[in-house]
């Protein structure tokens, strides 16, 4: 869970970016085919985000499920999340264990 007051950019291993401003969200990643930047937008106030990510996908739930953004991404190394901006953040992190299917 992530809550912010102010503008912040989240960088997912240099492969995917989420820009969070007072006006909404912009999710960007490079096209796997052409290398062009591709964008997805959420317009409106985003008060809270729940972000689920693994080695190839990101799911972003906005305002407790009011909206959702999804993307595939393929970081070259272990996924790292970096924050940049002048926002105050409240963050809760859960590490998930792999599930075995028999």
PDB file of N, CA and C in Angstrom:
ATOM      1  N   UNK A   1       0.844  -1.164   0.000  1.00  0.00           N
ATOM      2  CA  UNK A   1       0.000   0.000   0.000  1.00  0.00           C
ATOM      3  C   UNK A   1       0.891   1.230   0.000  1.00  0.00           C
ATOM      4  N   UNK A   2       0.498   2.251  -0.748  1.00  0.00           N
ATOM      5  CA  UNK A   2       1.285   3.463  -0.876  1.00  0.00           C
ATOM      6  C   UNK A   2       0.350   4.655  -0.851  1.00  0.00           C
ATOM      7  N   UNK A   3       0.647   5.623  -0.012  1.00  0.00           N
ATOM      8  CA  UNK A   3      -0.087   6.877   0.032  1.00  0.00           C
ATOM      9  C   UNK A   3       0.930   7.996  -0.117  1.00  0.00           C
ATOM     10  N   UNK A   4       0.556   9.063  -0.864  1.00  0.00           N
ATOM     11  CA  UNK A   4       1.503  10.159  -1.089  1.00  0.00           C
ATOM     12  C   UNK A   4       0.810  11.500  -0.967  1.00  0.00           C
ATOM     13  N   UNK A   5       1.566  12.481  -0.486  1.00  0.00           N
ATOM     14  CA  UNK A   5       1.147  13.873  -0.497  1.00  0.00           C
ATOM     15  C   UNK A   5       2.218  14.615  -1.274  1.00  0.00           C
ATOM     16  N   UNK A   6       1.920  15.007  -2.515  1.00  0.00           N
ATOM     17  CA  UNK A   6       2.896  15.647  -3.385  1.00  0.00           C
ATOM     18  C   UNK A   6       3.167  14.779  -4.592  1.00  0.00           C
ATOM     19  N   UNK A   7       4.066  15.253  -5.453  1.00  0.00           N
ATOM     20  CA  UNK A   7       4.396  14.529  -6.680  1.00  0.00           C
ATOM     21  C   UNK A   7       5.541  13.561  -6.430  1.00  0.00           C
ATOM     22  N   UNK A   8       5.437  12.374  -7.045  1.00  0.00           N
ATOM     23  CA  UNK A   8       6.484  11.371  -6.892  1.00  0.00           C
ATOM     24  C   UNK A   8       6.554  10.527  -8.162  1.00  0.00           C
ATOM     25  N   UNK A   9       7.754  10.058  -8.484  1.00  0.00           N
ATOM     26  CA  UNK A   9       7.954   9.119  -9.592  1.00  0.00           C
ATOM     27  C   UNK A   9       8.503   7.824  -9.018  1.00  0.00           C
ATOM     28  N   UNK A  10       7.904   6.716  -9.413  1.00  0.00           N
ATOM     29  CA  UNK A  10       8.371   5.396  -9.021  1.00  0.00           C
ATOM     30  C   UNK A  10       9.028   4.768 -10.243  1.00  0.00           C
ATOM     31  N   UNK A  11      10.239   4.304 -10.081  1.00  0.00           N
ATOM     32  CA  UNK A  11      10.991   3.687 -11.171  1.00  0.00           C
ATOM     33  C   UNK A  11      11.166   2.212 -10.842  1.00  0.00           C
ATOM     34  N   UNK A  12      10.619   1.353 -11.682  1.00  0.00           N
ATOM     35  CA  UNK A  12      10.684  -0.095 -11.506  1.00  0.00           C
ATOM     36  C   UNK A  12      11.860  -0.628 -12.319  1.00  0.00           C
ATOM     37  N   UNK A  13      13.018  -0.739 -11.676  1.00  0.00           N
ATOM     38  CA  UNK A  13      14.222  -1.337 -12.273  1.00  0.00           C
ATOM     39  C   UNK A  13      14.635  -0.678 -13.588  1.00  0.00           C
ATOM     40  N   UNK A  14      14.351   0.608 -13.750  1.00  0.00           N
ATOM     41  CA  UNK A  14      14.732   1.317 -14.974  1.00  0.00           C
ATOM     42  C   UNK A  14      13.959   0.884 -16.200  1.00  0.00           C
ATOM     43  N   UNK A  15      12.924   0.081 -16.025  1.00  0.00           N
ATOM     44  CA  UNK A  15      12.186  -0.501 -17.139  1.00  0.00           C
ATOM     45  C   UNK A  15      10.780   0.065 -17.273  1.00  0.00           C
ATOM     46  N   UNK A  16      10.221   0.504 -16.161  1.00  0.00           N
ATOM     47  CA  UNK A  16       8.830   0.971 -16.103  1.00  0.00           C
ATOM     48  C   UNK A  16       8.798   2.152 -15.148  1.00  0.00           C
ATOM     49  N   UNK A  17       8.006   3.187 -15.467  1.00  0.00           N
ATOM     50  CA  UNK A  17       7.902   4.357 -14.582  1.00  0.00           C
ATOM     51  C   UNK A  17       6.449   4.686 -14.310  1.00  0.00           C
ATOM     52  N   UNK A  18       6.192   5.079 -13.070  1.00  0.00           N
ATOM     53  CA  UNK A  18       4.872   5.558 -12.681  1.00  0.00           C
ATOM     54  C   UNK A  18       5.045   6.959 -12.112  1.00  0.00           C
ATOM     55  N   UNK A  19       4.440   7.943 -12.787  1.00  0.00           N
ATOM     56  CA  UNK A  19       4.472   9.328 -12.323  1.00  0.00           C
ATOM     57  C   UNK A  19       3.136   9.619 -11.655  1.00  0.00           C
ATOM     58  N   UNK A  20       3.200  10.047 -10.403  1.00  0.00           N
ATOM     59  CA  UNK A  20       2.012  10.267  -9.581  1.00  0.00           C
ATOM     60  C   UNK A  20       1.963  11.741  -9.211  1.00  0.00           C
ATOM     61  N   UNK A  21       0.972  12.448  -9.743  1.00  0.00           N
ATOM     62  CA  UNK A  21       0.795  13.866  -9.451  1.00  0.00           C
ATOM     63  C   UNK A  21      -0.589  14.092  -8.864  1.00  0.00           C
ATOM     64  N   UNK A  22      -0.832  15.301  -8.492  1.00  0.00           N
ATOM     65  CA  UNK A  22      -2.138  15.680  -7.947  1.00  0.00           C
ATOM     66  C   UNK A  22      -3.264  15.424  -8.956  1.00  0.00           C
ATOM     67  N   UNK A  23      -2.943  15.492 -10.261  1.00  0.00           N
ATOM     68  CA  UNK A  23      -3.948  15.342 -11.315  1.00  0.00           C
ATOM     69  C   UNK A  23      -4.170  13.910 -11.767  1.00  0.00           C
ATOM     70  N   UNK A  24      -3.288  12.983 -11.375  1.00  0.00           N
ATOM     71  CA  UNK A  24      -3.472  11.599 -11.797  1.00  0.00           C
ATOM     72  C   UNK A  24      -2.171  10.834 -11.893  1.00  0.00           C
ATOM     73  N   UNK A  25      -2.203   9.787 -12.700  1.00  0.00           N
ATOM     74  CA  UNK A  25      -1.073   8.876 -12.858  1.00  0.00           C
ATOM     75  C   UNK A  25      -0.709   8.736 -14.328  1.00  0.00           C
ATOM     76  N   UNK A  26       0.570   8.545 -14.582  1.00  0.00           N
ATOM     77  CA  UNK A  26       1.029   8.184 -15.923  1.00  0.00           C
ATOM     78  C   UNK A  26       1.988   7.016 -15.773  1.00  0.00           C
ATOM     79  N   UNK A  27       1.646   5.896 -16.387  1.00  0.00           N
ATOM     80  CA  UNK A  27       2.465   4.693 -16.385  1.00  0.00           C
ATOM     81  C   UNK A  27       3.143   4.602 -17.742  1.00  0.00           C
ATOM     82  N   UNK A  28       4.465   4.464 -17.767  1.00  0.00           N
ATOM     83  CA  UNK A  28       5.174   4.409 -19.047  1.00  0.00           C
ATOM     84  C   UNK A  28       6.178   3.259 -19.061  1.00  0.00           C
ATOM     85  N   UNK A  29       6.322   2.676 -20.243  1.00  0.00           N
ATOM     86  CA  UNK A  29       7.336   1.649 -20.481  1.00  0.00           C
ATOM     87  C   UNK A  29       7.680   1.649 -21.955  1.00  0.00           C
ATOM     88  N   UNK A  30       8.838   1.122 -22.269  1.00  0.00           N
ATOM     89  CA  UNK A  30       9.257   1.048 -23.672  1.00  0.00           C
ATOM     90  C   UNK A  30       8.614  -0.158 -24.346  1.00  0.00           C
ATOM     91  N   UNK A  31       8.228   0.017 -25.593  1.00  0.00           N
ATOM     92  CA  UNK A  31       7.680  -1.074 -26.395  1.00  0.00           C
ATOM     93  C   UNK A  31       8.748  -2.146 -26.569  1.00  0.00           C
ATOM     94  N   UNK A  32       8.345  -3.392 -26.420  1.00  0.00           N
ATOM     95  CA  UNK A  32       9.290  -4.489 -26.602  1.00  0.00           C
ATOM     96  C   UNK A  32       9.690  -4.655 -28.064  1.00  0.00           C
ATOM     97  N   UNK A  33       8.851  -4.167 -28.987  1.00  0.00           N
ATOM     98  CA  UNK A  33       9.142  -4.296 -30.417  1.00  0.00           C
ATOM     99  C   UNK A  33       9.932  -3.110 -30.962  1.00  0.00           C
ATOM    100  N   UNK A  34       9.448  -1.885 -30.689  1.00  0.00           N
ATOM    101  CA  UNK A  34      10.045  -0.707 -31.322  1.00  0.00           C
ATOM    102  C   UNK A  34      10.937   0.119 -30.400  1.00  0.00           C
ATOM    103  N   UNK A  35      10.838  -0.050 -29.094  1.00  0.00           N
ATOM    104  CA  UNK A  35      11.609   0.765 -28.164  1.00  0.00           C
ATOM    105  C   UNK A  35      10.964   2.105 -27.850  1.00  0.00           C
ATOM    106  N   UNK A  36       9.842   2.418 -28.516  1.00  0.00           N
ATOM    107  CA  UNK A  36       9.107   3.670 -28.245  1.00  0.00           C
ATOM    108  C   UNK A  36       8.497   3.628 -26.855  1.00  0.00           C
ATOM    109  N   UNK A  37       8.360   4.801 -26.243  1.00  0.00           N
ATOM    110  CA  UNK A  37       7.668   4.868 -24.959  1.00  0.00           C
ATOM    111  C   UNK A  37       6.168   4.735 -25.172  1.00  0.00           C
ATOM    112  N   UNK A  38       5.532   3.908 -24.380  1.00  0.00           N
ATOM    113  CA  UNK A  38       4.085   3.707 -24.398  1.00  0.00           C
ATOM    114  C   UNK A  38       3.541   4.203 -23.062  1.00  0.00           C
ATOM    115  N   UNK A  39       2.351   4.816 -23.084  1.00  0.00           N
ATOM    116  CA  UNK A  39       1.805   5.447 -21.886  1.00  0.00           C
ATOM    117  C   UNK A  39       0.394   4.968 -21.601  1.00  0.00           C
ATOM    118  N   UNK A  40       0.085   4.891 -20.307  1.00  0.00           N
ATOM    119  CA  UNK A  40      -1.277   4.667 -19.823  1.00  0.00           C
ATOM    120  C   UNK A  40      -1.531   5.744 -18.786  1.00  0.00           C
ATOM    121  N   UNK A  41      -2.789   6.224 -18.724  1.00  0.00           N
ATOM    122  CA  UNK A  41      -3.113   7.343 -17.848  1.00  0.00           C
ATOM    123  C   UNK A  41      -4.300   7.030 -16.948  1.00  0.00           C
ATOM    124  N   UNK A  42      -4.282   7.611 -15.765  1.00  0.00           N
ATOM    125  CA  UNK A  42      -5.440   7.670 -14.864  1.00  0.00           C
ATOM    126  C   UNK A  42      -5.614   9.146 -14.557  1.00  0.00           C
ATOM    127  N   UNK A  43      -6.779   9.704 -14.889  1.00  0.00           N
ATOM    128  CA  UNK A  43      -7.049  11.108 -14.608  1.00  0.00           C
ATOM    129  C   UNK A  43      -7.935  11.209 -13.387  1.00  0.00           C
ATOM    130  N   UNK A  44      -7.558  12.076 -12.486  1.00  0.00           N
ATOM    131  CA  UNK A  44      -8.289  12.265 -11.249  1.00  0.00           C
ATOM    132  C   UNK A  44      -7.378  12.022 -10.062  1.00  0.00           C
ATOM    133  N   UNK A  45      -7.889  12.329  -8.903  1.00  0.00           N
ATOM    134  CA  UNK A  45      -7.089  12.202  -7.691  1.00  0.00           C
ATOM    135  C   UNK A  45      -6.870  10.740  -7.325  1.00  0.00           C
ATOM    136  N   UNK A  46      -5.628  10.375  -7.170  1.00  0.00           N
ATOM    137  CA  UNK A  46      -5.270   9.030  -6.708  1.00  0.00           C
ATOM    138  C   UNK A  46      -4.766   9.184  -5.278  1.00  0.00           C
ATOM    139  N   UNK A  47      -5.550   8.738  -4.336  1.00  0.00           N
ATOM    140  CA  UNK A  47      -5.197   8.904  -2.921  1.00  0.00           C
ATOM    141  C   UNK A  47      -4.345   7.756  -2.401  1.00  0.00           C
ATOM    142  N   UNK A  48      -4.598   6.569  -2.918  1.00  0.00           N
ATOM    143  CA  UNK A  48      -3.930   5.377  -2.396  1.00  0.00           C
ATOM    144  C   UNK A  48      -3.702   4.391  -3.535  1.00  0.00           C
ATOM    145  N   UNK A  49      -2.538   3.738  -3.517  1.00  0.00           N
ATOM    146  CA  UNK A  49      -2.215   2.717  -4.520  1.00  0.00           C
ATOM    147  C   UNK A  49      -1.853   1.420  -3.823  1.00  0.00           C
ATOM    148  N   UNK A  50      -2.289   0.327  -4.401  1.00  0.00           N
ATOM    149  CA  UNK A  50      -1.811  -1.005  -4.036  1.00  0.00           C
ATOM    150  C   UNK A  50      -1.098  -1.516  -5.277  1.00  0.00           C
ATOM    151  N   UNK A  51       0.186  -1.792  -5.157  1.00  0.00           N
ATOM    152  CA  UNK A  51       0.999  -2.198  -6.298  1.00  0.00           C
ATOM    153  C   UNK A  51       1.474  -3.626  -6.078  1.00  0.00           C
ATOM    154  N   UNK A  52       1.131  -4.495  -7.022  1.00  0.00           N
ATOM    155  CA  UNK A  52       1.582  -5.884  -6.994  1.00  0.00           C
ATOM    156  C   UNK A  52       2.520  -6.079  -8.175  1.00  0.00           C
ATOM    157  N   UNK A  53       3.727  -6.560  -7.898  1.00  0.00           N
ATOM    158  CA  UNK A  53       4.642  -6.787  -9.018  1.00  0.00           C
ATOM    159  C   UNK A  53       5.442  -8.059  -8.787  1.00  0.00           C
ATOM    160  N   UNK A  54       5.786  -8.677  -9.902  1.00  0.00           N
ATOM    161  CA  UNK A  54       6.651  -9.851  -9.868  1.00  0.00           C
ATOM    162  C   UNK A  54       7.720  -9.656 -10.937  1.00  0.00           C
ATOM    163  N   UNK A  55       8.272 -10.709 -11.457  1.00  0.00           N
ATOM    164  CA  UNK A  55       9.380 -10.586 -12.405  1.00  0.00           C
ATOM    165  C   UNK A  55       8.962 -10.177 -13.803  1.00  0.00           C
ATOM    166  N   UNK A  56       7.652 -10.106 -14.095  1.00  0.00           N
ATOM    167  CA  UNK A  56       7.254  -9.736 -15.458  1.00  0.00           C
ATOM    168  C   UNK A  56       5.986  -8.888 -15.554  1.00  0.00           C
ATOM    169  N   UNK A  57       5.343  -8.589 -14.442  1.00  0.00           N
ATOM    170  CA  UNK A  57       4.112  -7.794 -14.535  1.00  0.00           C
ATOM    171  C   UNK A  57       3.928  -6.897 -13.323  1.00  0.00           C
ATOM    172  N   UNK A  58       3.166  -5.825 -13.543  1.00  0.00           N
ATOM    173  CA  UNK A  58       2.813  -4.879 -12.494  1.00  0.00           C
ATOM    174  C   UNK A  58       1.310  -4.636 -12.575  1.00  0.00           C
ATOM    175  N   UNK A  59       0.649  -4.701 -11.426  1.00  0.00           N
ATOM    176  CA  UNK A  59      -0.781  -4.375 -11.302  1.00  0.00           C
ATOM    177  C   UNK A  59      -0.872  -3.243 -10.290  1.00  0.00           C
ATOM    178  N   UNK A  60      -1.537  -2.162 -10.662  1.00  0.00           N
ATOM    179  CA  UNK A  60      -1.667  -1.005  -9.788  1.00  0.00           C
ATOM    180  C   UNK A  60      -3.152  -0.761  -9.546  1.00  0.00           C
ATOM    181  N   UNK A  61      -3.582  -0.952  -8.303  1.00  0.00           N
ATOM    182  CA  UNK A  61      -4.974  -0.727  -7.929  1.00  0.00           C
ATOM    183  C   UNK A  61      -5.073   0.657  -7.313  1.00  0.00           C
ATOM    184  N   UNK A  62      -5.962   1.479  -7.871  1.00  0.00           N
ATOM    185  CA  UNK A  62      -6.071   2.887  -7.513  1.00  0.00           C
ATOM    186  C   UNK A  62      -7.287   3.091  -6.609  1.00  0.00           C
ATOM    187  N   UNK A  63      -7.081   3.806  -5.509  1.00  0.00           N
ATOM    188  CA  UNK A  63      -8.173   4.160  -4.583  1.00  0.00           C
ATOM    189  C   UNK A  63      -9.008   2.945  -4.193  1.00  0.00           C
ATOM    190  N   UNK A  64      -8.331   1.917  -3.701  1.00  0.00           N
ATOM    191  CA  UNK A  64      -9.008   0.703  -3.215  1.00  0.00           C
ATOM    192  C   UNK A  64      -9.872   0.025  -4.274  1.00  0.00           C
ATOM    193  N   UNK A  65      -9.414   0.047  -5.530  1.00  0.00           N
ATOM    194  CA  UNK A  65     -10.102  -0.675  -6.599  1.00  0.00           C
ATOM    195  C   UNK A  65     -10.968   0.182  -7.495  1.00  0.00           C
ATOM    196  N   UNK A  66     -10.976   1.483  -7.317  1.00  0.00           N
ATOM    197  CA  UNK A  66     -11.745   2.383  -8.190  1.00  0.00           C
ATOM    198  C   UNK A  66     -11.251   2.283  -9.635  1.00  0.00           C
ATOM    199  N   UNK A  67      -9.961   2.052  -9.787  1.00  0.00           N
ATOM    200  CA  UNK A  67      -9.368   1.890 -11.108  1.00  0.00           C
ATOM    201  C   UNK A  67      -8.184   0.953 -11.005  1.00  0.00           C
ATOM    202  N   UNK A  68      -7.718   0.485 -12.156  1.00  0.00           N
ATOM    203  CA  UNK A  68      -6.551  -0.401 -12.183  1.00  0.00           C
ATOM    204  C   UNK A  68      -5.720  -0.119 -13.428  1.00  0.00           C
ATOM    205  N   UNK A  69      -4.408  -0.231 -13.302  1.00  0.00           N
ATOM    206  CA  UNK A  69      -3.480  -0.124 -14.429  1.00  0.00           C
ATOM    207  C   UNK A  69      -2.610  -1.375 -14.398  1.00  0.00           C
ATOM    208  N   UNK A  70      -2.342  -1.936 -15.553  1.00  0.00           N
ATOM    209  CA  UNK A  70      -1.525  -3.155 -15.650  1.00  0.00           C
ATOM    210  C   UNK A  70      -0.491  -2.983 -16.742  1.00  0.00           C
ATOM    211  N   UNK A  71       0.630  -3.642 -16.567  1.00  0.00           N
ATOM    212  CA  UNK A  71       1.647  -3.628 -17.606  1.00  0.00           C
ATOM    213  C   UNK A  71       2.575  -4.817 -17.439  1.00  0.00           C
ATOM    214  N   UNK A  72       3.137  -5.257 -18.536  1.00  0.00           N
ATOM    215  CA  UNK A  72       4.224  -6.240 -18.519  1.00  0.00           C
ATOM    216  C   UNK A  72       5.523  -5.467 -18.495  1.00  0.00           C
ATOM    217  N   UNK A  73       6.519  -6.018 -17.831  1.00  0.00           N
ATOM    218  CA  UNK A  73       7.845  -5.432 -17.868  1.00  0.00           C
ATOM    219  C   UNK A  73       8.854  -6.534 -17.569  1.00  0.00           C
ATOM    220  N   UNK A  74      10.055  -6.364 -18.069  1.00  0.00           N
ATOM    221  CA  UNK A  74      11.062  -7.403 -17.954  1.00  0.00           C
ATOM    222  C   UNK A  74      12.391  -6.773 -17.539  1.00  0.00           C
ATOM    223  N   UNK A  75      12.586  -6.586 -16.233  1.00  0.00           N
ATOM    224  CA  UNK A  75      13.851  -5.989 -15.782  1.00  0.00           C
ATOM    225  C   UNK A  75      15.028  -6.921 -16.059  1.00  0.00           C
ATOM    226  N   UNK A  76      16.174  -6.331 -16.366  1.00  0.00           N
ATOM    227  CA  UNK A  76      17.370  -7.123 -16.673  1.00  0.00           C
ATOM    228  C   UNK A  76      17.933  -7.807 -15.434  1.00  0.00           C
ATOM    229  N   UNK A  77      17.725  -7.223 -14.262  1.00  0.00           N
ATOM    230  CA  UNK A  77      18.227  -7.796 -13.005  1.00  0.00           C
ATOM    231  C   UNK A  77      17.064  -7.864 -12.022  1.00  0.00           C
ATOM    232  N   UNK A  78      17.355  -8.196 -10.798  1.00  0.00           N
ATOM    233  CA  UNK A  78      16.314  -8.230  -9.771  1.00  0.00           C
ATOM    234  C   UNK A  78      15.605  -6.884  -9.722  1.00  0.00           C
ATOM    235  N   UNK A  79      14.300  -6.925  -9.597  1.00  0.00           N
ATOM    236  CA  UNK A  79      13.502  -5.705  -9.604  1.00  0.00           C
ATOM    237  C   UNK A  79      13.845  -4.843  -8.398  1.00  0.00           C
ATOM    238  N   UNK A  80      14.079  -3.572  -8.665  1.00  0.00           N
ATOM    239  CA  UNK A  80      14.323  -2.575  -7.626  1.00  0.00           C
ATOM    240  C   UNK A  80      13.323  -1.455  -7.858  1.00  0.00           C
ATOM    241  N   UNK A  81      12.788  -0.918  -6.798  1.00  0.00           N
ATOM    242  CA  UNK A  81      11.843   0.184  -6.880  1.00  0.00           C
ATOM    243  C   UNK A  81      12.511   1.416  -6.303  1.00  0.00           C
ATOM    244  N   UNK A  82      12.635   2.484  -7.109  1.00  0.00           N
ATOM    245  CA  UNK A  82      13.253   3.728  -6.666  1.00  0.00           C
ATOM    246  C   UNK A  82      12.203   4.836  -6.676  1.00  0.00           C
ATOM    247  N   UNK A  83      12.298   5.731  -5.706  1.00  0.00           N
ATOM    248  CA  UNK A  83      11.361   6.845  -5.576  1.00  0.00           C
ATOM    249  C   UNK A  83      12.105   8.145  -5.811  1.00  0.00           C
ATOM    250  N   UNK A  84      11.429   9.122  -6.475  1.00  0.00           N
ATOM    251  CA  UNK A  84      12.010  10.428  -6.716  1.00  0.00           C
ATOM    252  C   UNK A  84      10.896  11.458  -6.626  1.00  0.00           C
ATOM    253  N   UNK A  85      11.142  12.580  -5.987  1.00  0.00           N
ATOM    254  CA  UNK A  85      10.152  13.644  -5.909  1.00  0.00           C
ATOM    255  C   UNK A  85      10.105  14.247  -4.523  1.00  0.00           C
ATOM    256  N   UNK A  86       9.216  15.226  -4.367  1.00  0.00           N
ATOM    257  CA  UNK A  86       9.110  15.948  -3.115  1.00  0.00           C
ATOM    258  C   UNK A  86       7.906  15.549  -2.300  1.00  0.00           C
ATOM    259  N   UNK A  87       7.491  14.314  -2.389  1.00  0.00           N
ATOM    260  CA  UNK A  87       6.273  13.867  -1.704  1.00  0.00           C
ATOM    261  C   UNK A  87       6.589  13.235  -0.357  1.00  0.00           C
ATOM    262  N   UNK A  88       5.611  13.312   0.526  1.00  0.00           N
ATOM    263  CA  UNK A  88       5.656  12.524   1.750  1.00  0.00           C
ATOM    264  C   UNK A  88       4.949  11.216   1.440  1.00  0.00           C
ATOM    265  N   UNK A  89       5.603  10.100   1.732  1.00  0.00           N
ATOM    266  CA  UNK A  89       5.052   8.789   1.416  1.00  0.00           C
ATOM    267  C   UNK A  89       4.782   7.998   2.683  1.00  0.00           C
ATOM    268  N   UNK A  90       3.742   7.206   2.618  1.00  0.00           N
ATOM    269  CA  UNK A  90       3.496   6.188   3.632  1.00  0.00           C
ATOM    270  C   UNK A  90       3.438   4.871   2.873  1.00  0.00           C
ATOM    271  N   UNK A  91       4.305   3.965   3.216  1.00  0.00           N
ATOM    272  CA  UNK A  91       4.498   2.756   2.433  1.00  0.00           C
ATOM    273  C   UNK A  91       4.424   1.539   3.337  1.00  0.00           C
ATOM    274  N   UNK A  92       3.756   0.516   2.847  1.00  0.00           N
ATOM    275  CA  UNK A  92       3.743  -0.785   3.519  1.00  0.00           C
ATOM    276  C   UNK A  92       4.131  -1.818   2.468  1.00  0.00           C
ATOM    277  N   UNK A  93       5.098  -2.671   2.810  1.00  0.00           N
ATOM    278  CA  UNK A  93       5.640  -3.638   1.866  1.00  0.00           C
ATOM    279  C   UNK A  93       5.417  -5.048   2.399  1.00  0.00           C
ATOM    280  N   UNK A  94       4.940  -5.915   1.521  1.00  0.00           N
ATOM    281  CA  UNK A  94       4.805  -7.328   1.863  1.00  0.00           C
ATOM    282  C   UNK A  94       5.607  -8.127   0.845  1.00  0.00           C
ATOM    283  N   UNK A  95       6.434  -9.023   1.322  1.00  0.00           N
ATOM    284  CA  UNK A  95       7.160  -9.924   0.444  1.00  0.00           C
ATOM    285  C   UNK A  95       6.352 -11.215   0.351  1.00  0.00           C
ATOM    286  N   UNK A  96       6.076 -11.644  -0.861  1.00  0.00           N
ATOM    287  CA  UNK A  96       5.268 -12.844  -1.069  1.00  0.00           C
ATOM    288  C   UNK A  96       6.168 -14.044  -1.340  1.00  0.00           C
ATOM    289  N   UNK A  97       5.777 -15.184  -0.815  1.00  0.00           N
ATOM    290  CA  UNK A  97       6.519 -16.418  -1.070  1.00  0.00           C
ATOM    291  C   UNK A  97       5.955 -17.093  -2.314  1.00  0.00           C
ATOM    292  N   UNK A  98       6.783 -17.809  -3.039  1.00  0.00           N
ATOM    293  CA  UNK A  98       6.281 -18.566  -4.185  1.00  0.00           C
ATOM    294  C   UNK A  98       5.322 -19.681  -3.728  1.00  0.00           C
ATOM    295  N   UNK A  99       4.374 -19.965  -4.568  1.00  0.00           N
ATOM    296  CA  UNK A  99       3.381 -21.000  -4.273  1.00  0.00           C
ATOM    297  C   UNK A  99       3.745 -22.267  -5.075  1.00  0.00           C
ATOM    298  N   UNK A 100       3.718 -23.391  -4.425  1.00  0.00           N
ATOM    299  CA  UNK A 100       4.010 -24.660  -5.085  1.00  0.00           C
ATOM    300  C   UNK A 100       2.687 -25.304  -5.527  1.00  0.00           C
ATOM    301  N   UNK A 101       2.608 -25.717  -6.752  1.00  0.00           N
ATOM    302  CA  UNK A 101       1.435 -26.411  -7.264  1.00  0.00           C
ATOM    303  C   UNK A 101       1.823 -27.853  -7.535  1.00  0.00           C
ATOM    304  N   UNK A 102       1.059 -28.765  -6.978  1.00  0.00           N
ATOM    305  CA  UNK A 102       1.366 -30.186  -7.178  1.00  0.00           C
ATOM    306  C   UNK A 102       0.315 -30.852  -8.029  1.00  0.00           C
TER     307      UNK A 102
END
